Amino acid sequence: MKILVAVKRVIDANVKARVRSDKTGVETANVKMAMNPFCEIAVEEALRIKERGQATEIVVVSAGPQATQETIRQALAMGADRGIHIAHDQPLEPLAVAKLLTAVAKRETPDLIILGKQAIDDDCNQTGQMLAALLGWPQGTFASKVEPGEGEVTVTREVDGGLETVALKLPAVVTTDLRLNEPRYASLPNIMKAKKKPIDALTPAALEVDVAPRLTVLKVEEPPKRKAGVKLADASELVARLKSEAGVI
């Protein structure tokens, strides 16, 4: 089984994002970047499947500027076999990413594609579903458990009402949820080995994919700051304020 894992380079989860002064987007200059946490989970799950002897190759793909190769190298240091970098310097919308991944999937013919359910920078939660639709493959989203079998994969999904288990015929698309696993840290020897692992260079033009944006960002603003709380003397005062100020009772 060949597994294709899509990863994304985002602002580090421990860094507070700042809006640019012109309100056109989020400031990324001189900001620490890292692999999207859900993408780390996707890489880890692919590695665990391979360690169980159920996969033979793990290919990591990412689209973005030249610095995106650092994110691919991180996945290679975790244990992936090779990488694919789709060079593009402008922001990519979920539909454009799904189209790029579709083109790569047709080249690589993987049996399973795993990607994070969403990226922490835009929180769109769209790429996996769009990818499955474009490929015409079954999908298992929000996976908390993935069990590959003979010609199929069983996915336990986290849904509003609890858990749902689906059986998907391969090839299939799976998007990972937070509780699927705990990603490993790359060891120093593996980091050194990752420097020698191949990363193929592609472009949207080489893949014959139109990545022109369909949306226009009008303005980006920080959420309003939360007002300071007040301490009330007793329950009767709380009820009075809920009536007079909040108007909820």
C-alpha atoms as a PDB file:
ATOM      1  CA  MET A   1       0.000   0.000   0.000  1.00  0.00           C
ATOM      2  CA  LYS A   2       1.236   3.477  -0.883  1.00  0.00           C
ATOM      3  CA  ILE A   3       0.093   6.346   1.345  1.00  0.00           C
ATOM      4  CA  LEU A   4       0.069   9.973   0.233  1.00  0.00           C
ATOM      5  CA  VAL A   5       0.073  12.501   3.089  1.00  0.00           C
ATOM      6  CA  ALA A   6      -0.642  16.194   2.523  1.00  0.00           C
ATOM      7  CA  VAL A   7       0.928  18.685   4.942  1.00  0.00           C
ATOM      8  CA  LYS A   8       0.757  22.461   5.319  1.00  0.00           C
ATOM      9  CA  ARG A   9       3.156  25.085   6.658  1.00  0.00           C
ATOM     10  CA  VAL A  10       1.405  27.439   9.094  1.00  0.00           C
ATOM     11  CA  ILE A  11       2.230  29.855  11.895  1.00  0.00           C
ATOM     12  CA  ASP A  12       3.391  27.878  14.918  1.00  0.00           C
ATOM     13  CA  ALA A  13       0.481  26.994  17.186  1.00  0.00           C
ATOM     14  CA  ASN A  14       2.265  28.590  20.175  1.00  0.00           C
ATOM     15  CA  VAL A  15       2.652  31.964  18.445  1.00  0.00           C
ATOM     16  CA  LYS A  16      -0.037  34.637  18.740  1.00  0.00           C
ATOM     17  CA  ALA A  17      -1.041  35.688  15.233  1.00  0.00           C
ATOM     18  CA  ARG A  18      -0.992  39.421  14.486  1.00  0.00           C
ATOM     19  CA  VAL A  19      -3.037  41.207  11.830  1.00  0.00           C
ATOM     20  CA  ARG A  20      -1.076  43.334   9.383  1.00  0.00           C
ATOM     21  CA  SER A  21      -1.379  47.086   9.742  1.00  0.00           C
ATOM     22  CA  ASP A  22      -3.125  47.345   6.363  1.00  0.00           C
ATOM     23  CA  LYS A  23      -5.609  44.603   7.442  1.00  0.00           C
ATOM     24  CA  THR A  24      -4.968  42.550   4.306  1.00  0.00           C
ATOM     25  CA  GLY A  25      -4.016  39.419   6.217  1.00  0.00           C
ATOM     26  CA  VAL A  26      -1.953  37.959   9.050  1.00  0.00           C
ATOM     27  CA  GLU A  27       1.668  38.943   9.575  1.00  0.00           C
ATOM     28  CA  THR A  28       4.045  36.130   8.603  1.00  0.00           C
ATOM     29  CA  ALA A  29       7.350  38.000   8.247  1.00  0.00           C
ATOM     30  CA  ASN A  30       9.864  36.937  10.936  1.00  0.00           C
ATOM     31  CA  VAL A  31       7.215  34.699  12.503  1.00  0.00           C
ATOM     32  CA  LYS A  32       7.985  31.128  13.570  1.00  0.00           C
ATOM     33  CA  MET A  33       6.376  28.633  11.225  1.00  0.00           C
ATOM     34  CA  ALA A  34       5.689  24.922  11.736  1.00  0.00           C
ATOM     35  CA  MET A  35       3.747  21.977  10.363  1.00  0.00           C
ATOM     36  CA  ASN A  36       0.011  22.220  10.909  1.00  0.00           C
ATOM     37  CA  PRO A  37      -0.785  20.104  14.030  1.00  0.00           C
ATOM     38  CA  PHE A  38      -3.483  18.084  12.244  1.00  0.00           C
ATOM     39  CA  CYS A  39      -0.990  17.368   9.440  1.00  0.00           C
ATOM     40  CA  GLU A  40       1.487  16.036  12.026  1.00  0.00           C
ATOM     41  CA  ILE A  41      -1.223  13.623  13.167  1.00  0.00           C
ATOM     42  CA  ALA A  42      -1.743  12.547   9.557  1.00  0.00           C
ATOM     43  CA  VAL A  43       1.979  11.831   9.109  1.00  0.00           C
ATOM     44  CA  GLU A  44       2.100   9.923  12.393  1.00  0.00           C
ATOM     45  CA  GLU A  45      -0.862   7.751  11.415  1.00  0.00           C
ATOM     46  CA  ALA A  46       0.744   6.897   8.075  1.00  0.00           C
ATOM     47  CA  LEU A  47       3.956   5.933   9.888  1.00  0.00           C
ATOM     48  CA  ARG A  48       2.075   3.681  12.305  1.00  0.00           C
ATOM     49  CA  ILE A  49       0.327   1.923   9.420  1.00  0.00           C
ATOM     50  CA  LYS A  50       3.697   1.329   7.760  1.00  0.00           C
ATOM     51  CA  GLU A  51       5.261   0.093  11.005  1.00  0.00           C
ATOM     52  CA  ARG A  52       2.479  -2.504  11.249  1.00  0.00           C
ATOM     53  CA  GLY A  53       3.539  -3.781   7.827  1.00  0.00           C
ATOM     54  CA  GLN A  54       0.393  -2.523   6.103  1.00  0.00           C
ATOM     55  CA  ALA A  55       2.112   0.086   3.900  1.00  0.00           C
ATOM     56  CA  THR A  56       5.239   0.059   1.766  1.00  0.00           C
ATOM     57  CA  GLU A  57       5.792   3.743   1.009  1.00  0.00           C
ATOM     58  CA  ILE A  58       4.811   7.107   2.469  1.00  0.00           C
ATOM     59  CA  VAL A  59       4.945  10.144   0.187  1.00  0.00           C
ATOM     60  CA  VAL A  60       4.518  13.628   1.669  1.00  0.00           C
ATOM     61  CA  VAL A  61       3.263  16.502  -0.473  1.00  0.00           C
ATOM     62  CA  SER A  62       2.957  20.204   0.265  1.00  0.00           C
ATOM     63  CA  ALA A  63       2.316  23.355  -1.750  1.00  0.00           C
ATOM     64  CA  GLY A  64       3.780  26.761  -0.993  1.00  0.00           C
ATOM     65  CA  PRO A  65       6.941  28.892  -1.168  1.00  0.00           C
ATOM     66  CA  GLN A  66      10.493  27.534  -1.032  1.00  0.00           C
ATOM     67  CA  ALA A  67      10.439  27.508   2.783  1.00  0.00           C
ATOM     68  CA  THR A  68       7.711  24.848   2.599  1.00  0.00           C
ATOM     69  CA  GLN A  69      10.483  22.319   1.993  1.00  0.00           C
ATOM     70  CA  GLU A  70      11.406  22.700   5.679  1.00  0.00           C
ATOM     71  CA  THR A  71       7.964  21.324   6.586  1.00  0.00           C
ATOM     72  CA  ILE A  72       8.411  18.453   4.150  1.00  0.00           C
ATOM     73  CA  ARG A  73      11.834  17.725   5.677  1.00  0.00           C
ATOM     74  CA  GLN A  74      10.192  17.574   9.102  1.00  0.00           C
ATOM     75  CA  ALA A  75       7.823  14.869   7.833  1.00  0.00           C
ATOM     76  CA  LEU A  76      10.765  13.020   6.263  1.00  0.00           C
ATOM     77  CA  ALA A  77      12.613  13.210   9.591  1.00  0.00           C
ATOM     78  CA  MET A  78       9.591  11.668  11.292  1.00  0.00           C
ATOM     79  CA  GLY A  79       9.936   8.710   8.923  1.00  0.00           C
ATOM     80  CA  ALA A  80       8.280   9.430   5.561  1.00  0.00           C
ATOM     81  CA  ASP A  81      10.098   8.072   2.506  1.00  0.00           C
ATOM     82  CA  ARG A  82      10.079  10.970   0.038  1.00  0.00           C
ATOM     83  CA  GLY A  83       8.520  14.334  -0.562  1.00  0.00           C
ATOM     84  CA  ILE A  84       6.859  16.400  -3.278  1.00  0.00           C
ATOM     85  CA  HIS A  85       7.003  20.199  -3.228  1.00  0.00           C
ATOM     86  CA  ILE A  86       4.587  22.184  -5.396  1.00  0.00           C
ATOM     87  CA  ALA A  87       6.206  25.610  -5.599  1.00  0.00           C
ATOM     88  CA  HIS A  88       3.805  28.548  -5.392  1.00  0.00           C
ATOM     89  CA  ASP A  89       4.450  31.891  -3.692  1.00  0.00           C
ATOM     90  CA  GLN A  90       0.869  33.138  -3.370  1.00  0.00           C
ATOM     91  CA  PRO A  91      -1.804  31.977  -0.900  1.00  0.00           C
ATOM     92  CA  LEU A  92      -3.772  28.929  -2.037  1.00  0.00           C
ATOM     93  CA  GLU A  93      -7.477  28.396  -1.448  1.00  0.00           C
ATOM     94  CA  PRO A  94      -8.790  24.956  -0.412  1.00  0.00           C
ATOM     95  CA  LEU A  95     -10.189  24.267  -3.889  1.00  0.00           C
ATOM     96  CA  ALA A  96      -6.818  25.021  -5.496  1.00  0.00           C
ATOM     97  CA  VAL A  97      -5.051  22.721  -3.021  1.00  0.00           C
ATOM     98  CA  ALA A  98      -7.596  19.966  -3.674  1.00  0.00           C
ATOM     99  CA  LYS A  99      -7.002  20.283  -7.424  1.00  0.00           C
ATOM    100  CA  LEU A 100      -3.221  20.116  -6.939  1.00  0.00           C
ATOM    101  CA  LEU A 101      -3.547  17.038  -4.725  1.00  0.00           C
ATOM    102  CA  THR A 102      -5.843  15.452  -7.296  1.00  0.00           C
ATOM    103  CA  ALA A 103      -3.191  15.915  -9.987  1.00  0.00           C
ATOM    104  CA  VAL A 104      -0.496  14.483  -7.699  1.00  0.00           C
ATOM    105  CA  ALA A 105      -2.718  11.528  -6.786  1.00  0.00           C
ATOM    106  CA  LYS A 106      -3.212  10.708 -10.464  1.00  0.00           C
ATOM    107  CA  ARG A 107       0.584  10.681 -10.877  1.00  0.00           C
ATOM    108  CA  GLU A 108       1.398   8.719  -7.736  1.00  0.00           C
ATOM    109  CA  THR A 109      -1.672   6.414  -7.684  1.00  0.00           C
ATOM    110  CA  PRO A 110      -1.726   5.989  -3.880  1.00  0.00           C
ATOM    111  CA  ASP A 111      -4.034   3.529  -2.156  1.00  0.00           C
ATOM    112  CA  LEU A 112      -4.773   5.920   0.690  1.00  0.00           C
ATOM    113  CA  ILE A 113      -4.559   9.693   1.118  1.00  0.00           C
ATOM    114  CA  ILE A 114      -4.373  11.062   4.660  1.00  0.00           C
ATOM    115  CA  LEU A 115      -4.525  14.754   5.545  1.00  0.00           C
ATOM    116  CA  GLY A 116      -5.468  16.884   8.517  1.00  0.00           C
ATOM    117  CA  LYS A 117      -9.149  17.745   8.856  1.00  0.00           C
ATOM    118  CA  GLN A 118      -8.261  21.457   8.790  1.00  0.00           C
ATOM    119  CA  ALA A 119      -5.400  23.931   9.029  1.00  0.00           C
ATOM    120  CA  ILE A 120      -5.143  26.151  12.088  1.00  0.00           C
ATOM    121  CA  ASP A 121      -4.546  29.290  10.012  1.00  0.00           C
ATOM    122  CA  ASP A 122      -7.772  29.420   7.971  1.00  0.00           C
ATOM    123  CA  ASP A 123      -9.840  26.683   9.733  1.00  0.00           C
ATOM    124  CA  CYS A 124     -11.625  25.965   6.446  1.00  0.00           C
ATOM    125  CA  ASN A 125     -12.026  22.184   6.854  1.00  0.00           C
ATOM    126  CA  GLN A 126     -12.711  21.819   3.122  1.00  0.00           C
ATOM    127  CA  THR A 127      -9.675  20.383   1.319  1.00  0.00           C
ATOM    128  CA  GLY A 128     -10.194  16.713   2.215  1.00  0.00           C
ATOM    129  CA  GLN A 129     -13.842  16.718   1.219  1.00  0.00           C
ATOM    130  CA  MET A 130     -13.130  18.548  -2.052  1.00  0.00           C
ATOM    131  CA  LEU A 131     -10.279  16.166  -2.841  1.00  0.00           C
ATOM    132  CA  ALA A 132     -12.496  13.112  -2.352  1.00  0.00           C
ATOM    133  CA  ALA A 133     -15.157  14.649  -4.596  1.00  0.00           C
ATOM    134  CA  LEU A 134     -12.690  15.489  -7.372  1.00  0.00           C
ATOM    135  CA  LEU A 135     -11.196  11.997  -7.286  1.00  0.00           C
ATOM    136  CA  GLY A 136     -14.542  10.253  -6.858  1.00  0.00           C
ATOM    137  CA  TRP A 137     -13.129   8.339  -3.861  1.00  0.00           C
ATOM    138  CA  PRO A 138     -14.898   7.446  -0.606  1.00  0.00           C
ATOM    139  CA  GLN A 139     -13.988   9.620   2.364  1.00  0.00           C
ATOM    140  CA  GLY A 140     -13.703   9.214   6.123  1.00  0.00           C
ATOM    141  CA  THR A 141     -13.500  12.611   7.804  1.00  0.00           C
ATOM    142  CA  PHE A 142     -12.693  13.517  11.448  1.00  0.00           C
ATOM    143  CA  ALA A 143     -11.013  10.147  12.008  1.00  0.00           C
ATOM    144  CA  SER A 144     -10.248   9.093  15.587  1.00  0.00           C
ATOM    145  CA  LYS A 145      -9.278   5.554  14.540  1.00  0.00           C
ATOM    146  CA  VAL A 146      -8.007   4.155  11.226  1.00  0.00           C
ATOM    147  CA  GLU A 147      -7.798   0.411  10.574  1.00  0.00           C
ATOM    148  CA  PRO A 148      -6.638  -0.651   7.081  1.00  0.00           C
ATOM    149  CA  GLY A 149      -7.813  -4.048   5.886  1.00  0.00           C
ATOM    150  CA  GLU A 150      -7.809  -6.124   2.718  1.00  0.00           C
ATOM    151  CA  GLY A 151      -8.941  -3.726   0.000  1.00  0.00           C
ATOM    152  CA  GLU A 152     -10.633  -1.395   2.477  1.00  0.00           C
ATOM    153  CA  VAL A 153     -10.060   0.848   5.463  1.00  0.00           C
ATOM    154  CA  THR A 154     -12.316   1.134   8.517  1.00  0.00           C
ATOM    155  CA  VAL A 155     -12.559   4.644   9.950  1.00  0.00           C
ATOM    156  CA  THR A 156     -14.080   5.651  13.269  1.00  0.00           C
ATOM    157  CA  ARG A 157     -15.370   9.208  12.915  1.00  0.00           C
ATOM    158  CA  GLU A 158     -16.076  11.808  15.591  1.00  0.00           C
ATOM    159  CA  VAL A 159     -19.551  13.203  14.927  1.00  0.00           C
ATOM    160  CA  ASP A 160     -21.918  15.430  16.895  1.00  0.00           C
ATOM    161  CA  GLY A 161     -23.787  12.467  18.364  1.00  0.00           C
ATOM    162  CA  GLY A 162     -20.688  10.478  19.352  1.00  0.00           C
ATOM    163  CA  LEU A 163     -18.791   8.047  17.107  1.00  0.00           C
ATOM    164  CA  GLU A 164     -19.592   6.659  13.664  1.00  0.00           C
ATOM    165  CA  THR A 165     -17.712   3.772  12.038  1.00  0.00           C
ATOM    166  CA  VAL A 166     -17.545   3.516   8.243  1.00  0.00           C
ATOM    167  CA  ALA A 167     -15.866   0.995   5.925  1.00  0.00           C
ATOM    168  CA  LEU A 168     -14.308   2.555   2.825  1.00  0.00           C
ATOM    169  CA  LYS A 169     -13.149   0.702  -0.250  1.00  0.00           C
ATOM    170  CA  LEU A 170      -9.626   1.632  -1.303  1.00  0.00           C
ATOM    171  CA  PRO A 171      -8.469   3.981  -2.689  1.00  0.00           C
ATOM    172  CA  ALA A 172      -9.901   6.432  -0.155  1.00  0.00           C
ATOM    173  CA  VAL A 173      -9.371   9.800   1.511  1.00  0.00           C
ATOM    174  CA  VAL A 174      -9.110  10.108   5.312  1.00  0.00           C
ATOM    175  CA  THR A 175      -8.901  13.334   7.327  1.00  0.00           C
ATOM    176  CA  THR A 176      -7.504  13.182  10.845  1.00  0.00           C
ATOM    177  CA  ASP A 177      -9.004  14.504  14.060  1.00  0.00           C
ATOM    178  CA  LEU A 178      -7.152  15.557  17.199  1.00  0.00           C
ATOM    179  CA  ARG A 179      -7.601  12.326  19.186  1.00  0.00           C
ATOM    180  CA  LEU A 180      -6.329   9.951  16.499  1.00  0.00           C
ATOM    181  CA  ASN A 181      -2.774   9.777  17.891  1.00  0.00           C
ATOM    182  CA  GLU A 182       0.118  11.631  19.509  1.00  0.00           C
ATOM    183  CA  PRO A 183       2.753  12.600  16.901  1.00  0.00           C
ATOM    184  CA  ARG A 184       6.340  11.554  17.580  1.00  0.00           C
ATOM    185  CA  TYR A 185       9.381  13.792  17.781  1.00  0.00           C
ATOM    186  CA  ALA A 186      12.005  13.358  15.086  1.00  0.00           C
ATOM    187  CA  SER A 187      15.278  11.941  16.439  1.00  0.00           C
ATOM    188  CA  LEU A 188      18.608  13.556  15.555  1.00  0.00           C
ATOM    189  CA  PRO A 189      19.747  10.590  13.396  1.00  0.00           C
ATOM    190  CA  ASN A 190      16.470  10.734  11.468  1.00  0.00           C
ATOM    191  CA  ILE A 191      16.824  14.493  11.005  1.00  0.00           C
ATOM    192  CA  MET A 192      20.236  13.893   9.438  1.00  0.00           C
ATOM    193  CA  LYS A 193      18.872  11.091   7.243  1.00  0.00           C
ATOM    194  CA  ALA A 194      16.012  13.321   6.084  1.00  0.00           C
ATOM    195  CA  LYS A 195      18.505  15.687   4.435  1.00  0.00           C
ATOM    196  CA  LYS A 196      19.325  12.951   1.913  1.00  0.00           C
ATOM    197  CA  LYS A 197      15.762  11.891   1.164  1.00  0.00           C
ATOM    198  CA  PRO A 198      14.461  13.095  -2.225  1.00  0.00           C
ATOM    199  CA  ILE A 199      11.989  15.949  -2.669  1.00  0.00           C
ATOM    200  CA  ASP A 200      10.517  16.224  -6.165  1.00  0.00           C
ATOM    201  CA  ALA A 201       9.871  19.777  -7.385  1.00  0.00           C
ATOM    202  CA  LEU A 202       6.644  20.557  -9.239  1.00  0.00           C
ATOM    203  CA  THR A 203       4.602  23.634 -10.116  1.00  0.00           C
ATOM    204  CA  PRO A 204       0.875  24.196 -10.673  1.00  0.00           C
ATOM    205  CA  ALA A 205       1.670  24.809 -14.355  1.00  0.00           C
ATOM    206  CA  ALA A 206       3.484  21.468 -14.634  1.00  0.00           C
ATOM    207  CA  LEU A 207       0.428  19.793 -13.116  1.00  0.00           C
ATOM    208  CA  GLU A 208      -1.846  21.783 -15.461  1.00  0.00           C
ATOM    209  CA  VAL A 209      -3.868  23.122 -12.538  1.00  0.00           C
ATOM    210  CA  ASP A 210      -5.455  26.578 -12.397  1.00  0.00           C
ATOM    211  CA  VAL A 211      -4.884  27.936  -8.883  1.00  0.00           C
ATOM    212  CA  ALA A 212      -6.266  31.426  -9.499  1.00  0.00           C
ATOM    213  CA  PRO A 213      -8.141  32.628  -6.376  1.00  0.00           C
ATOM    214  CA  ARG A 214     -11.930  32.588  -6.486  1.00  0.00           C
ATOM    215  CA  LEU A 215     -12.343  34.661  -3.328  1.00  0.00           C
ATOM    216  CA  THR A 216     -11.314  38.217  -2.452  1.00  0.00           C
ATOM    217  CA  VAL A 217     -10.293  39.099   1.097  1.00  0.00           C
ATOM    218  CA  LEU A 218     -11.906  42.429   1.911  1.00  0.00           C
ATOM    219  CA  LYS A 219     -10.508  42.947   5.394  1.00  0.00           C
ATOM    220  CA  VAL A 220      -8.928  40.971   8.232  1.00  0.00           C
ATOM    221  CA  GLU A 221      -9.564  42.100  11.820  1.00  0.00           C
ATOM    222  CA  GLU A 222      -8.805  40.761  15.274  1.00  0.00           C
ATOM    223  CA  PRO A 223     -11.843  39.656  17.310  1.00  0.00           C
ATOM    224  CA  PRO A 224     -13.099  42.288  19.785  1.00  0.00           C
ATOM    225  CA  LYS A 225     -11.376  42.176  23.137  1.00  0.00           C
ATOM    226  CA  ARG A 226     -13.352  40.568  25.892  1.00  0.00           C
ATOM    227  CA  LYS A 227     -14.662  42.953  28.540  1.00  0.00           C
ATOM    228  CA  ALA A 228     -13.439  42.505  32.082  1.00  0.00           C
ATOM    229  CA  GLY A 229     -15.730  40.538  34.368  1.00  0.00           C
ATOM    230  CA  VAL A 230     -17.338  41.862  37.538  1.00  0.00           C
ATOM    231  CA  LYS A 231     -17.821  40.245  40.919  1.00  0.00           C
ATOM    232  CA  LEU A 232     -21.395  40.251  42.198  1.00  0.00           C
ATOM    233  CA  ALA A 233     -22.483  40.222  45.812  1.00  0.00           C
ATOM    234  CA  ASP A 234     -25.109  37.471  45.599  1.00  0.00           C
ATOM    235  CA  ALA A 235     -27.461  35.515  43.339  1.00  0.00           C
ATOM    236  CA  SER A 236     -30.199  38.148  43.510  1.00  0.00           C
ATOM    237  CA  GLU A 237     -27.865  40.728  42.006  1.00  0.00           C
ATOM    238  CA  LEU A 238     -26.941  38.252  39.264  1.00  0.00           C
ATOM    239  CA  VAL A 239     -30.621  37.731  38.411  1.00  0.00           C
ATOM    240  CA  ALA A 240     -31.215  41.506  38.388  1.00  0.00           C
ATOM    241  CA  ARG A 241     -28.332  42.063  35.949  1.00  0.00           C
ATOM    242  CA  LEU A 242     -29.444  39.235  33.708  1.00  0.00           C
ATOM    243  CA  LYS A 243     -32.834  40.950  33.489  1.00  0.00           C
ATOM    244  CA  SER A 244     -31.773  44.576  33.159  1.00  0.00           C
ATOM    245  CA  GLU A 245     -28.432  44.412  31.307  1.00  0.00           C
ATOM    246  CA  ALA A 246     -28.261  41.104  29.443  1.00  0.00           C
ATOM    247  CA  GLY A 247     -32.010  40.853  28.804  1.00  0.00           C
ATOM    248  CA  VAL A 248     -31.882  37.067  28.793  1.00  0.00           C
ATOM    249  CA  ILE A 249     -34.563  36.478  31.428  1.00  0.00           C
END
